[in-house]
């Protein structure tokens, strides 16, 4: 019986000492850091009749136009960009007509450098993806 009482007393003393031990300071709540990425898909199917070199140049021009987009509301947008002879670009909303052309596209110079004899349409899809960045290491 005595050994059980001794074991119980030891357990209580040990638990009491553990409760008195200094605890680690609470970690400061680190803010959650996020980043946005914008991906662009440019389909040059309607420009295939220009020939491979000019179709590639049309794709390059459209990629340069949308590369300034770092984010926009709505998550995803589709539209058609028509390259016109003389260097102008004409935009039309996508098939759903519910979305508009993002300002990040329209704020760039709306000129292209492809020498065209007839217009060439490109289908463009932009998509915004948000991601949580890993926590910064503690000093």
Protein backbone atom coordinates (compact mmCIF):
# COMPACT_ATOMS: atom_id res chain seq x y z
CA UNK A 1 0.00 0.00 0.00
CA UNK A 2 2.78 2.31 0.89
CA UNK A 3 4.36 2.08 -2.57
CA UNK A 4 1.09 3.10 -4.20
CA UNK A 5 0.78 6.14 -1.95
CA UNK A 6 4.43 7.02 -2.62
CA UNK A 7 3.92 6.70 -6.36
CA UNK A 8 0.81 8.85 -6.18
CA UNK A 9 2.66 11.52 -4.15
CA UNK A 10 5.55 11.50 -6.62
CA UNK A 11 3.11 11.91 -9.51
CA UNK A 12 1.45 14.88 -7.83
CA UNK A 13 4.78 16.55 -7.09
CA UNK A 14 6.00 15.95 -10.65
CA UNK A 15 2.77 17.36 -12.10
CA UNK A 16 3.09 20.40 -9.82
CA UNK A 17 6.67 21.01 -10.94
CA UNK A 18 5.69 20.70 -14.59
CA UNK A 19 2.95 23.27 -14.07
CA UNK A 20 5.47 25.70 -12.55
CA UNK A 21 8.01 25.29 -15.34
CA UNK A 22 8.38 28.38 -17.53
CA UNK A 23 6.40 28.01 -20.72
CA UNK A 24 7.61 29.08 -24.13
CA UNK A 25 6.47 32.56 -25.08
CA UNK A 26 3.41 32.48 -27.33
CA UNK A 27 4.19 32.81 -30.98
CA UNK A 28 3.08 36.10 -32.42
CA UNK A 29 0.38 35.60 -34.98
CA UNK A 30 1.95 36.10 -38.37
CA UNK A 31 -0.29 37.65 -41.00
CA UNK A 32 -1.24 35.37 -43.84
CA UNK A 33 0.56 36.46 -46.98
CA UNK A 34 -1.08 35.89 -50.35
CA UNK A 35 -0.09 36.51 -53.94
CA UNK A 36 -2.00 36.59 -57.19
CA UNK A 37 -0.92 35.19 -60.49
CA UNK A 38 -2.54 35.88 -63.83
CA UNK A 39 -2.29 33.30 -66.58
CA UNK A 40 -3.12 34.06 -70.18
CA UNK A 41 -4.14 31.71 -72.94
CA UNK A 42 -4.06 33.17 -76.44
CA UNK A 43 -5.51 31.13 -79.29
CA UNK A 44 -4.41 32.24 -82.74
CA UNK A 45 -6.63 29.85 -84.69
CA UNK A 46 -8.27 32.68 -86.66
CA UNK A 47 -4.85 34.04 -87.59
CA UNK A 48 -3.57 30.78 -89.08
CA UNK A 49 -4.28 32.05 -92.59
CA UNK A 50 -1.60 34.72 -92.09
CA UNK A 51 1.12 32.10 -92.18
CA UNK A 52 3.16 30.70 -89.31
CA UNK A 53 5.49 33.69 -88.86
CA UNK A 54 2.72 36.32 -88.77
CA UNK A 55 0.50 34.12 -86.55
CA UNK A 56 3.39 33.87 -84.06
CA UNK A 57 3.90 37.63 -84.24
CA UNK A 58 0.16 38.19 -83.60
CA UNK A 59 0.36 35.89 -80.57
CA UNK A 60 3.43 37.75 -79.30
CA UNK A 61 1.67 41.11 -79.67
CA UNK A 62 -1.32 39.87 -77.65
CA UNK A 63 0.89 38.36 -74.94
CA UNK A 64 2.66 41.73 -74.61
CA UNK A 65 -0.72 43.43 -74.29
CA UNK A 66 -1.92 41.21 -71.43
CA UNK A 67 1.42 40.82 -69.61
CA UNK A 68 0.77 43.93 -67.54
CA UNK A 69 -2.21 42.31 -65.82
CA UNK A 70 -1.40 41.53 -62.21
CA UNK A 71 -5.00 41.03 -61.16
CA UNK A 72 -8.61 41.93 -61.85
CA UNK A 73 -12.00 41.15 -60.38
CA UNK A 74 -13.98 38.15 -61.47
CA UNK A 75 -11.32 35.44 -61.49
CA UNK A 76 -11.61 34.61 -65.19
CA UNK A 77 -12.45 36.53 -68.35
CA UNK A 78 -12.67 35.62 -72.03
CA UNK A 79 -12.67 38.03 -74.92
CA UNK A 80 -11.75 38.34 -78.56
CA UNK A 81 -9.10 40.77 -79.74
CA UNK A 82 -9.09 41.56 -83.43
CA UNK A 83 -5.92 42.95 -84.93
CA UNK A 84 -6.89 45.32 -87.74
CA UNK A 85 -4.82 46.42 -90.74
CA UNK A 86 -3.09 49.67 -89.83
CA UNK A 87 -2.27 48.64 -86.25
CA UNK A 88 -5.55 49.12 -84.33
CA UNK A 89 -6.95 46.48 -81.96
CA UNK A 90 -10.68 45.91 -81.49
CA UNK A 91 -12.08 44.07 -78.45
CA UNK A 92 -15.28 42.09 -78.03
CA UNK A 93 -16.47 40.43 -74.81
CA UNK A 94 -16.55 36.63 -74.71
CA UNK A 95 -19.51 34.48 -75.65
CA UNK A 96 -21.12 34.88 -72.21
CA UNK A 97 -21.10 38.71 -72.63
CA UNK A 98 -21.30 38.92 -68.82
CA UNK A 99 -17.68 39.94 -68.37
CA UNK A 100 -15.90 43.02 -69.59
CA UNK A 101 -12.38 43.58 -70.81
CA UNK A 102 -10.05 44.12 -67.81
CA UNK A 103 -8.65 47.63 -67.37
CA UNK A 104 -5.14 46.16 -67.20
CA UNK A 105 -5.52 45.25 -70.90
CA UNK A 106 -7.15 48.51 -71.97
CA UNK A 107 -4.62 50.70 -70.16
CA UNK A 108 -1.82 49.62 -72.51
CA UNK A 109 -1.25 51.19 -75.94
CA UNK A 110 -3.85 49.57 -78.19
CA UNK A 111 -1.63 49.26 -81.23
CA UNK A 112 0.06 46.26 -82.79
CA UNK A 113 3.00 45.87 -85.14
CA UNK A 114 1.77 43.04 -87.37
CA UNK A 115 1.57 44.07 -91.04
CA UNK A 116 -1.86 42.76 -92.02
CA UNK A 117 -3.80 42.80 -95.28
CA UNK A 118 -6.95 41.62 -93.48
CA UNK A 119 -8.07 41.46 -89.85
CA UNK A 120 -7.02 38.65 -87.57
CA UNK A 121 -8.95 37.61 -84.43
CA UNK A 122 -7.41 36.06 -81.32
CA UNK A 123 -9.35 34.39 -78.51
CA UNK A 124 -7.94 35.36 -75.12
CA UNK A 125 -8.62 33.91 -71.69
CA UNK A 126 -7.19 35.47 -68.55
CA UNK A 127 -7.44 33.76 -65.18
CA UNK A 128 -6.49 35.05 -61.73
CA UNK A 129 -5.32 32.54 -59.14
CA UNK A 130 -4.66 33.45 -55.51
CA UNK A 131 -2.24 31.45 -53.42
CA UNK A 132 -1.10 31.52 -49.80
CA UNK A 133 2.63 32.11 -49.44
CA UNK A 134 4.63 30.12 -46.90
CA UNK A 135 5.26 31.82 -43.59
CA UNK A 136 8.49 33.77 -43.32
CA UNK A 137 11.10 32.02 -41.13
CA UNK A 138 11.38 33.37 -37.59
CA UNK A 139 14.60 35.24 -36.76
